Amino acid sequence: MLPGVSAETDKGYKVWLVCALKLVSARGGHGDVNMKNMKKFWVSFIICSICTIVMAWLRGVFEQTAPVYVFHILSDCFLIVGILAACIALLLFVSNEGTFDIFVYGMQSFWGFFRKDRPGKYDTFYDYRMARQEKKVPFLFLLACGGIFLLMSVLMYGGYCIYL
């Protein structure tokens, strides 16, 4: 159990974490796809963890002796990495819905005028849009990772408030 957190709240955090991991692994419906999503989740989790550790090291967390400063630095680091991961996931979601398709198609068409040897892949924007709808990028694993880091930031902030 976490210090300063009631048993019900601690159990709630664990239930939320298990539900988030199940949501990440439940996408797709096939065992191979589930393992692929779990691998993406763990890779993004490790990258976010490394970013958090580097950021905390740069802010001097390992040189601090007072717990209040350690919790303050860790809360900031988890918050920044969690927000970045969640925002990248939301950007992928918006891109999957086709928000940037017209810009990408326009730039490909524009640069296609300058290439004589390579004609454009798609004749019309509709063709590009239909092909793009088939290739959606998964984003829930990154959103779950960002949520976990935001939750860790809230927990570190709670530790900061306890020692204040």
N, C-alpha and C. Protein backbone atom coordinates (compact mmCIF):
# COMPACT_ATOMS: atom_id res chain seq x y z
N MET A 1 0.84 -1.18 0.00
CA MET A 1 0.00 0.00 0.00
C MET A 1 0.88 1.24 0.00
N LEU A 2 0.44 2.26 -0.68
CA LEU A 2 1.19 3.50 -0.79
C LEU A 2 1.07 4.31 0.49
N PRO A 3 2.13 5.03 0.89
CA PRO A 3 2.06 5.83 2.11
C PRO A 3 1.08 6.99 1.95
N GLY A 4 0.22 7.16 2.91
CA GLY A 4 -0.72 8.27 2.91
C GLY A 4 -1.94 8.04 2.03
N VAL A 5 -2.12 6.82 1.50
CA VAL A 5 -3.25 6.51 0.63
C VAL A 5 -4.07 5.43 1.30
N SER A 6 -5.39 5.62 1.31
CA SER A 6 -6.24 4.63 1.95
C SER A 6 -6.27 3.33 1.14
N ALA A 7 -6.74 2.26 1.78
CA ALA A 7 -6.75 0.95 1.14
C ALA A 7 -7.69 0.94 -0.06
N GLU A 8 -8.86 1.63 0.04
CA GLU A 8 -9.81 1.67 -1.07
C GLU A 8 -9.22 2.41 -2.26
N THR A 9 -8.53 3.52 -2.01
CA THR A 9 -7.93 4.29 -3.09
C THR A 9 -6.82 3.51 -3.75
N ASP A 10 -5.99 2.82 -2.95
CA ASP A 10 -4.91 2.01 -3.48
C ASP A 10 -5.46 0.89 -4.36
N LYS A 11 -6.54 0.26 -3.91
CA LYS A 11 -7.17 -0.81 -4.69
C LYS A 11 -7.75 -0.23 -5.98
N GLY A 12 -8.30 0.97 -5.91
CA GLY A 12 -8.85 1.63 -7.09
C GLY A 12 -7.78 1.90 -8.14
N TYR A 13 -6.58 2.33 -7.69
CA TYR A 13 -5.49 2.56 -8.63
C TYR A 13 -5.07 1.26 -9.31
N LYS A 14 -5.01 0.18 -8.54
CA LYS A 14 -4.62 -1.11 -9.12
C LYS A 14 -5.67 -1.59 -10.11
N VAL A 15 -6.95 -1.43 -9.80
CA VAL A 15 -8.02 -1.84 -10.70
C VAL A 15 -7.95 -1.01 -11.99
N TRP A 16 -7.68 0.30 -11.86
CA TRP A 16 -7.58 1.17 -13.03
C TRP A 16 -6.42 0.73 -13.92
N LEU A 17 -5.29 0.38 -13.32
CA LEU A 17 -4.12 -0.05 -14.08
C LEU A 17 -4.40 -1.35 -14.82
N VAL A 18 -5.05 -2.31 -14.15
CA VAL A 18 -5.37 -3.58 -14.80
C VAL A 18 -6.35 -3.35 -15.95
N CYS A 19 -7.36 -2.49 -15.75
CA CYS A 19 -8.32 -2.21 -16.81
C CYS A 19 -7.64 -1.52 -17.99
N ALA A 20 -6.72 -0.61 -17.73
CA ALA A 20 -6.00 0.07 -18.81
C ALA A 20 -5.17 -0.92 -19.62
N LEU A 21 -4.49 -1.83 -18.93
CA LEU A 21 -3.68 -2.83 -19.64
C LEU A 21 -4.55 -3.80 -20.43
N LYS A 22 -5.72 -4.16 -19.90
CA LYS A 22 -6.64 -5.03 -20.64
C LYS A 22 -7.18 -4.32 -21.87
N LEU A 23 -7.46 -3.01 -21.75
CA LEU A 23 -7.95 -2.25 -22.87
C LEU A 23 -6.91 -2.19 -23.98
N VAL A 24 -5.66 -2.02 -23.60
CA VAL A 24 -4.59 -1.98 -24.59
C VAL A 24 -4.45 -3.32 -25.28
N SER A 25 -4.53 -4.40 -24.51
CA SER A 25 -4.31 -5.72 -25.11
C SER A 25 -5.56 -6.27 -25.79
N ALA A 26 -6.74 -5.70 -25.54
CA ALA A 26 -7.98 -6.23 -26.11
C ALA A 26 -8.24 -5.74 -27.53
N ARG A 27 -7.48 -4.79 -28.01
CA ARG A 27 -7.69 -4.27 -29.36
C ARG A 27 -7.30 -5.31 -30.40
N GLY A 28 -8.15 -5.55 -31.34
CA GLY A 28 -7.80 -6.42 -32.45
C GLY A 28 -8.53 -7.75 -32.44
N GLY A 29 -8.58 -8.47 -31.36
CA GLY A 29 -9.31 -9.71 -31.29
C GLY A 29 -8.48 -10.96 -31.52
N HIS A 30 -7.27 -10.85 -32.00
CA HIS A 30 -6.42 -12.01 -32.24
C HIS A 30 -5.26 -12.01 -31.26
N GLY A 31 -4.78 -13.19 -30.91
CA GLY A 31 -3.67 -13.29 -29.96
C GLY A 31 -2.42 -12.61 -30.45
N ASP A 32 -2.13 -12.72 -31.76
CA ASP A 32 -0.93 -12.11 -32.31
C ASP A 32 -1.01 -10.58 -32.22
N VAL A 33 -2.20 -10.04 -32.51
CA VAL A 33 -2.38 -8.59 -32.44
C VAL A 33 -2.27 -8.12 -30.99
N ASN A 34 -2.81 -8.90 -30.05
CA ASN A 34 -2.73 -8.53 -28.65
C ASN A 34 -1.28 -8.46 -28.19
N MET A 35 -0.47 -9.43 -28.59
CA MET A 35 0.94 -9.42 -28.21
C MET A 35 1.67 -8.25 -28.86
N LYS A 36 1.27 -7.91 -30.08
CA LYS A 36 1.89 -6.78 -30.76
C LYS A 36 1.58 -5.48 -30.02
N ASN A 37 0.32 -5.33 -29.59
CA ASN A 37 -0.06 -4.12 -28.85
C ASN A 37 0.63 -4.07 -27.48
N MET A 38 0.76 -5.23 -26.83
CA MET A 38 1.45 -5.25 -25.54
C MET A 38 2.93 -4.90 -25.72
N LYS A 39 3.52 -5.36 -26.81
CA LYS A 39 4.91 -5.03 -27.08
C LYS A 39 5.06 -3.53 -27.32
N LYS A 40 4.13 -2.95 -28.08
CA LYS A 40 4.16 -1.50 -28.30
C LYS A 40 3.99 -0.74 -26.99
N PHE A 41 3.09 -1.25 -26.14
CA PHE A 41 2.89 -0.60 -24.84
C PHE A 41 4.16 -0.62 -24.02
N TRP A 42 4.80 -1.79 -23.93
CA TRP A 42 6.00 -1.90 -23.09
C TRP A 42 7.17 -1.10 -23.67
N VAL A 43 7.28 -1.05 -24.99
CA VAL A 43 8.34 -0.23 -25.59
C VAL A 43 8.10 1.24 -25.28
N SER A 44 6.87 1.70 -25.44
CA SER A 44 6.57 3.10 -25.12
C SER A 44 6.72 3.38 -23.63
N PHE A 45 6.37 2.40 -22.80
CA PHE A 45 6.52 2.58 -21.35
C PHE A 45 8.00 2.70 -20.98
N ILE A 46 8.85 1.89 -21.59
CA ILE A 46 10.29 1.96 -21.31
C ILE A 46 10.87 3.28 -21.80
N ILE A 47 10.46 3.73 -22.98
CA ILE A 47 10.95 5.01 -23.49
C ILE A 47 10.50 6.15 -22.59
N CYS A 48 9.25 6.14 -22.15
CA CYS A 48 8.76 7.18 -21.24
C CYS A 48 9.49 7.12 -19.90
N SER A 49 9.78 5.92 -19.43
CA SER A 49 10.52 5.78 -18.17
C SER A 49 11.94 6.34 -18.28
N ILE A 50 12.58 6.04 -19.40
CA ILE A 50 13.94 6.57 -19.61
C ILE A 50 13.90 8.09 -19.69
N CYS A 51 12.93 8.64 -20.38
CA CYS A 51 12.80 10.10 -20.46
C CYS A 51 12.57 10.71 -19.08
N THR A 52 11.74 10.05 -18.27
CA THR A 52 11.48 10.54 -16.92
C THR A 52 12.74 10.50 -16.07
N ILE A 53 13.50 9.41 -16.14
CA ILE A 53 14.73 9.28 -15.35
C ILE A 53 15.76 10.32 -15.78
N VAL A 54 15.90 10.52 -17.09
CA VAL A 54 16.86 11.51 -17.58
C VAL A 54 16.45 12.92 -17.14
N MET A 55 15.16 13.21 -17.24
CA MET A 55 14.68 14.53 -16.83
C MET A 55 14.88 14.74 -15.33
N ALA A 56 14.62 13.71 -14.54
CA ALA A 56 14.81 13.81 -13.09
C ALA A 56 16.29 13.98 -12.76
N TRP A 57 17.16 13.27 -13.48
CA TRP A 57 18.60 13.39 -13.27
C TRP A 57 19.07 14.80 -13.62
N LEU A 58 18.55 15.36 -14.72
CA LEU A 58 18.94 16.71 -15.10
C LEU A 58 18.46 17.76 -14.10
N ARG A 59 17.36 17.48 -13.43
CA ARG A 59 16.84 18.41 -12.43
C ARG A 59 17.48 18.19 -11.06
N GLY A 60 18.31 17.16 -10.92
CA GLY A 60 19.07 16.96 -9.69
C GLY A 60 18.34 16.18 -8.62
N VAL A 61 17.50 15.23 -8.99
CA VAL A 61 16.73 14.48 -7.99
C VAL A 61 17.63 13.59 -7.15
N PHE A 62 18.73 13.13 -7.72
CA PHE A 62 19.61 12.20 -7.00
C PHE A 62 20.52 12.93 -6.01
N GLU A 63 20.55 14.25 -6.06
CA GLU A 63 21.36 15.04 -5.13
C GLU A 63 20.53 15.62 -4.00
N GLN A 64 19.22 15.47 -4.07
CA GLN A 64 18.34 16.04 -3.04
C GLN A 64 18.29 15.12 -1.82
N THR A 65 18.20 15.74 -0.65
CA THR A 65 18.09 14.96 0.58
C THR A 65 16.70 15.09 1.20
N ALA A 66 16.01 16.19 0.95
CA ALA A 66 14.68 16.40 1.52
C ALA A 66 13.62 15.73 0.63
N PRO A 67 12.75 14.92 1.24
CA PRO A 67 11.73 14.22 0.44
C PRO A 67 10.79 15.16 -0.30
N VAL A 68 10.55 16.35 0.24
CA VAL A 68 9.64 17.27 -0.41
C VAL A 68 10.17 17.68 -1.77
N TYR A 69 11.47 17.88 -1.90
CA TYR A 69 12.05 18.26 -3.19
C TYR A 69 12.07 17.08 -4.16
N VAL A 70 12.31 15.88 -3.64
CA VAL A 70 12.31 14.69 -4.49
C VAL A 70 10.92 14.47 -5.07
N PHE A 71 9.89 14.54 -4.23
CA PHE A 71 8.52 14.37 -4.72
C PHE A 71 8.14 15.46 -5.71
N HIS A 72 8.60 16.69 -5.46
CA HIS A 72 8.29 17.80 -6.36
C HIS A 72 8.91 17.57 -7.74
N ILE A 73 10.16 17.17 -7.77
CA ILE A 73 10.84 16.92 -9.05
C ILE A 73 10.21 15.74 -9.77
N LEU A 74 9.95 14.65 -9.05
CA LEU A 74 9.37 13.47 -9.68
C LEU A 74 7.95 13.74 -10.21
N SER A 75 7.19 14.53 -9.46
CA SER A 75 5.86 14.89 -9.92
C SER A 75 5.93 15.67 -11.22
N ASP A 76 6.84 16.63 -11.30
CA ASP A 76 6.99 17.41 -12.53
C ASP A 76 7.42 16.53 -13.70
N CYS A 77 8.38 15.65 -13.46
CA CYS A 77 8.89 14.79 -14.54
C CYS A 77 7.82 13.84 -15.06
N PHE A 78 7.10 13.18 -14.15
CA PHE A 78 6.03 12.28 -14.57
C PHE A 78 4.93 13.05 -15.31
N LEU A 79 4.63 14.25 -14.86
CA LEU A 79 3.58 15.05 -15.49
C LEU A 79 3.96 15.42 -16.91
N ILE A 80 5.18 15.88 -17.12
CA ILE A 80 5.60 16.30 -18.46
C ILE A 80 5.59 15.12 -19.42
N VAL A 81 6.16 14.00 -19.01
CA VAL A 81 6.20 12.83 -19.89
C VAL A 81 4.80 12.28 -20.13
N GLY A 82 3.95 12.27 -19.11
CA GLY A 82 2.58 11.79 -19.28
C GLY A 82 1.77 12.66 -20.22
N ILE A 83 1.93 13.97 -20.11
CA ILE A 83 1.21 14.87 -21.01
C ILE A 83 1.70 14.71 -22.43
N LEU A 84 3.01 14.60 -22.63
CA LEU A 84 3.54 14.41 -23.98
C LEU A 84 3.04 13.10 -24.60
N ALA A 85 3.06 12.01 -23.85
CA ALA A 85 2.59 10.73 -24.38
C ALA A 85 1.10 10.79 -24.70
N ALA A 86 0.31 11.37 -23.82
CA ALA A 86 -1.13 11.47 -24.07
C ALA A 86 -1.43 12.38 -25.26
N CYS A 87 -0.70 13.48 -25.39
CA CYS A 87 -0.93 14.39 -26.52
C CYS A 87 -0.52 13.75 -27.84
N ILE A 88 0.56 12.98 -27.86
CA ILE A 88 0.94 12.27 -29.08
C ILE A 88 -0.12 11.25 -29.45
N ALA A 89 -0.67 10.55 -28.45
CA ALA A 89 -1.74 9.59 -28.71
C ALA A 89 -2.98 10.29 -29.26
N LEU A 90 -3.33 11.43 -28.71
CA LEU A 90 -4.49 12.17 -29.21
C LEU A 90 -4.23 12.72 -30.61
N LEU A 91 -2.99 13.09 -30.91
CA LEU A 91 -2.65 13.53 -32.26
C LEU A 91 -2.77 12.39 -33.25
N LEU A 92 -2.37 11.18 -32.84
CA LEU A 92 -2.55 10.01 -33.70
C LEU A 92 -4.04 9.72 -33.93
N PHE A 93 -4.86 9.88 -32.89
CA PHE A 93 -6.30 9.69 -33.02
C PHE A 93 -6.89 10.68 -34.03
N VAL A 94 -6.51 11.94 -33.92
CA VAL A 94 -7.02 12.96 -34.83
C VAL A 94 -6.55 12.67 -36.26
N SER A 95 -5.31 12.23 -36.39
CA SER A 95 -4.79 11.89 -37.72
C SER A 95 -5.52 10.69 -38.31
N ASN A 96 -5.85 9.71 -37.48
CA ASN A 96 -6.60 8.54 -37.96
C ASN A 96 -7.98 8.93 -38.48
N GLU A 97 -8.55 9.96 -37.93
CA GLU A 97 -9.88 10.40 -38.36
C GLU A 97 -9.84 11.20 -39.66
N GLY A 98 -8.63 11.49 -40.18
CA GLY A 98 -8.51 12.14 -41.48
C GLY A 98 -8.36 13.65 -41.44
N THR A 99 -7.99 14.20 -40.31
CA THR A 99 -7.88 15.65 -40.20
C THR A 99 -6.77 16.21 -41.08
N PHE A 100 -5.66 15.52 -41.19
CA PHE A 100 -4.51 16.04 -41.92
C PHE A 100 -4.39 15.45 -43.33
N ASP A 101 -5.37 14.68 -43.76
CA ASP A 101 -5.27 14.00 -45.06
C ASP A 101 -5.15 14.98 -46.21
N ILE A 102 -5.90 16.06 -46.18
CA ILE A 102 -5.86 17.01 -47.29
C ILE A 102 -4.50 17.68 -47.39
N PHE A 103 -3.86 17.95 -46.25
CA PHE A 103 -2.53 18.57 -46.28
C PHE A 103 -1.49 17.61 -46.83
N VAL A 104 -1.55 16.35 -46.39
CA VAL A 104 -0.58 15.35 -46.86
C VAL A 104 -0.77 15.11 -48.35
N TYR A 105 -2.01 14.97 -48.79
CA TYR A 105 -2.27 14.75 -50.21
C TYR A 105 -1.82 15.96 -51.03
N GLY A 106 -2.08 17.14 -50.54
CA GLY A 106 -1.66 18.36 -51.25
C GLY A 106 -0.15 18.46 -51.39
N MET A 107 0.57 18.14 -50.32
CA MET A 107 2.04 18.20 -50.38
C MET A 107 2.59 17.11 -51.30
N GLN A 108 2.02 15.92 -51.26
CA GLN A 108 2.46 14.86 -52.17
C GLN A 108 2.20 15.24 -53.62
N SER A 109 1.06 15.85 -53.88
CA SER A 109 0.75 16.28 -55.24
C SER A 109 1.68 17.40 -55.68
N PHE A 110 1.96 18.33 -54.78
CA PHE A 110 2.84 19.45 -55.10
C PHE A 110 4.24 18.97 -55.44
N TRP A 111 4.80 18.12 -54.61
CA TRP A 111 6.15 17.62 -54.85
C TRP A 111 6.18 16.64 -56.02
N GLY A 112 5.04 16.05 -56.34
CA GLY A 112 4.95 15.15 -57.49
C GLY A 112 5.13 15.87 -58.82
N PHE A 113 4.82 17.18 -58.85
CA PHE A 113 5.03 17.96 -60.06
C PHE A 113 6.51 18.08 -60.42
N PHE A 114 7.37 18.06 -59.43
CA PHE A 114 8.79 18.25 -59.65
C PHE A 114 9.53 16.94 -59.96
N ARG A 115 8.87 15.83 -59.84
CA ARG A 115 9.49 14.53 -60.12
C ARG A 115 8.96 14.01 -61.44
N LYS A 116 9.83 13.85 -62.38
CA LYS A 116 9.41 13.36 -63.69
C LYS A 116 9.34 11.85 -63.74
N ASP A 117 10.20 11.19 -62.98
CA ASP A 117 10.29 9.75 -63.07
C ASP A 117 9.24 9.02 -62.23
N ARG A 118 8.64 9.70 -61.28
CA ARG A 118 7.71 9.03 -60.36
C ARG A 118 6.35 9.73 -60.34
N PRO A 119 5.36 9.15 -60.99
CA PRO A 119 4.02 9.76 -60.92
C PRO A 119 3.39 9.53 -59.55
N GLY A 120 2.34 10.28 -59.24
CA GLY A 120 1.66 10.15 -57.96
C GLY A 120 0.97 8.80 -57.82
N LYS A 121 0.86 8.33 -56.61
CA LYS A 121 0.23 7.04 -56.35
C LYS A 121 -1.28 7.10 -56.54
N TYR A 122 -1.86 8.24 -56.21
CA TYR A 122 -3.32 8.36 -56.21
C TYR A 122 -3.74 9.46 -57.20
N ASP A 123 -4.77 9.16 -57.97
CA ASP A 123 -5.24 10.14 -58.96
C ASP A 123 -6.07 11.24 -58.31
N THR A 124 -6.91 10.86 -57.35
CA THR A 124 -7.78 11.84 -56.71
C THR A 124 -7.63 11.78 -55.19
N PHE A 125 -8.14 12.81 -54.56
CA PHE A 125 -8.11 12.85 -53.10
C PHE A 125 -8.96 11.72 -52.52
N TYR A 126 -10.05 11.39 -53.19
CA TYR A 126 -10.92 10.31 -52.72
C TYR A 126 -10.16 8.99 -52.68
N ASP A 127 -9.37 8.70 -53.71
CA ASP A 127 -8.57 7.48 -53.73
C ASP A 127 -7.57 7.46 -52.57
N TYR A 128 -6.94 8.60 -52.34
CA TYR A 128 -5.98 8.70 -51.23
C TYR A 128 -6.70 8.47 -49.90
N ARG A 129 -7.86 9.07 -49.76
CA ARG A 129 -8.61 8.98 -48.50
C ARG A 129 -9.05 7.55 -48.22
N MET A 130 -9.49 6.84 -49.26
CA MET A 130 -9.91 5.45 -49.08
C MET A 130 -8.72 4.56 -48.72
N ALA A 131 -7.58 4.80 -49.35
CA ALA A 131 -6.38 4.02 -49.02
C ALA A 131 -5.91 4.33 -47.61
N ARG A 132 -6.06 5.57 -47.20
CA ARG A 132 -5.62 5.99 -45.86
C ARG A 132 -6.52 5.41 -44.78
N GLN A 133 -7.79 5.22 -45.08
CA GLN A 133 -8.73 4.67 -44.09
C GLN A 133 -8.37 3.23 -43.72
N GLU A 134 -7.72 2.54 -44.65
CA GLU A 134 -7.34 1.15 -44.39
C GLU A 134 -6.12 1.05 -43.49
N LYS A 135 -5.31 2.10 -43.42
CA LYS A 135 -4.06 2.06 -42.65
C LYS A 135 -4.17 2.97 -41.43
N LYS A 136 -4.92 2.58 -40.46
CA LYS A 136 -5.03 3.37 -39.23
C LYS A 136 -3.92 2.98 -38.26
N VAL A 137 -3.37 3.96 -37.60
CA VAL A 137 -2.28 3.75 -36.65
C VAL A 137 -2.88 3.56 -35.26
N PRO A 138 -2.52 2.49 -34.54
CA PRO A 138 -3.05 2.31 -33.18
C PRO A 138 -2.48 3.37 -32.24
N PHE A 139 -3.31 3.78 -31.30
CA PHE A 139 -2.88 4.84 -30.39
C PHE A 139 -3.22 4.56 -28.93
N LEU A 140 -4.06 3.57 -28.65
CA LEU A 140 -4.50 3.33 -27.28
C LEU A 140 -3.36 2.93 -26.34
N PHE A 141 -2.36 2.22 -26.87
CA PHE A 141 -1.23 1.84 -26.03
C PHE A 141 -0.49 3.07 -25.52
N LEU A 142 -0.37 4.08 -26.37
CA LEU A 142 0.32 5.31 -25.96
C LEU A 142 -0.54 6.14 -25.02
N LEU A 143 -1.84 6.13 -25.24
CA LEU A 143 -2.75 6.84 -24.34
C LEU A 143 -2.75 6.21 -22.96
N ALA A 144 -2.73 4.86 -22.90
CA ALA A 144 -2.66 4.17 -21.61
C ALA A 144 -1.34 4.45 -20.91
N CYS A 145 -0.26 4.48 -21.65
CA CYS A 145 1.06 4.78 -21.08
C CYS A 145 1.07 6.21 -20.51
N GLY A 146 0.54 7.16 -21.27
CA GLY A 146 0.44 8.54 -20.78
C GLY A 146 -0.43 8.65 -19.54
N GLY A 147 -1.53 7.88 -19.52
CA GLY A 147 -2.40 7.88 -18.34
C GLY A 147 -1.70 7.35 -17.11
N ILE A 148 -0.89 6.30 -17.29
CA ILE A 148 -0.15 5.75 -16.15
C ILE A 148 0.85 6.77 -15.61
N PHE A 149 1.54 7.48 -16.51
CA PHE A 149 2.50 8.47 -16.05
C PHE A 149 1.81 9.67 -15.41
N LEU A 150 0.64 10.03 -15.91
CA LEU A 150 -0.13 11.09 -15.25
C LEU A 150 -0.59 10.66 -13.86
N LEU A 151 -0.98 9.39 -13.73
CA LEU A 151 -1.37 8.85 -12.43
C LEU A 151 -0.18 8.87 -11.47
N MET A 152 0.99 8.49 -11.97
CA MET A 152 2.20 8.55 -11.13
C MET A 152 2.51 9.97 -10.70
N SER A 153 2.26 10.93 -11.58
CA SER A 153 2.46 12.33 -11.23
C SER A 153 1.53 12.75 -10.10
N VAL A 154 0.28 12.30 -10.17
CA VAL A 154 -0.68 12.62 -9.10
C VAL A 154 -0.23 11.99 -7.78
N LEU A 155 0.27 10.75 -7.84
CA LEU A 155 0.75 10.09 -6.62
C LEU A 155 1.97 10.83 -6.04
N MET A 156 2.89 11.25 -6.90
CA MET A 156 4.06 12.00 -6.42
C MET A 156 3.64 13.36 -5.86
N TYR A 157 2.63 13.97 -6.46
CA TYR A 157 2.14 15.23 -5.93
C TYR A 157 1.50 15.01 -4.56
N GLY A 158 0.84 13.86 -4.39
CA GLY A 158 0.27 13.54 -3.07
C GLY A 158 1.39 13.40 -2.04
N GLY A 159 2.48 12.74 -2.42
CA GLY A 159 3.62 12.64 -1.51
C GLY A 159 4.24 14.00 -1.21
N TYR A 160 4.26 14.88 -2.21
CA TYR A 160 4.76 16.24 -2.03
C TYR A 160 3.88 17.00 -1.02
N CYS A 161 2.56 16.84 -1.16
CA CYS A 161 1.65 17.54 -0.23
C CYS A 161 1.74 16.98 1.18
N ILE A 162 2.03 15.69 1.33
CA ILE A 162 2.16 15.11 2.66
C ILE A 162 3.37 15.69 3.39
N TYR A 163 4.48 15.83 2.68
CA TYR A 163 5.72 16.33 3.29
C TYR A 163 5.78 17.84 3.39
N LEU A 164 4.85 18.52 2.78
CA LEU A 164 4.88 19.98 2.81
C LEU A 164 4.57 20.55 4.16
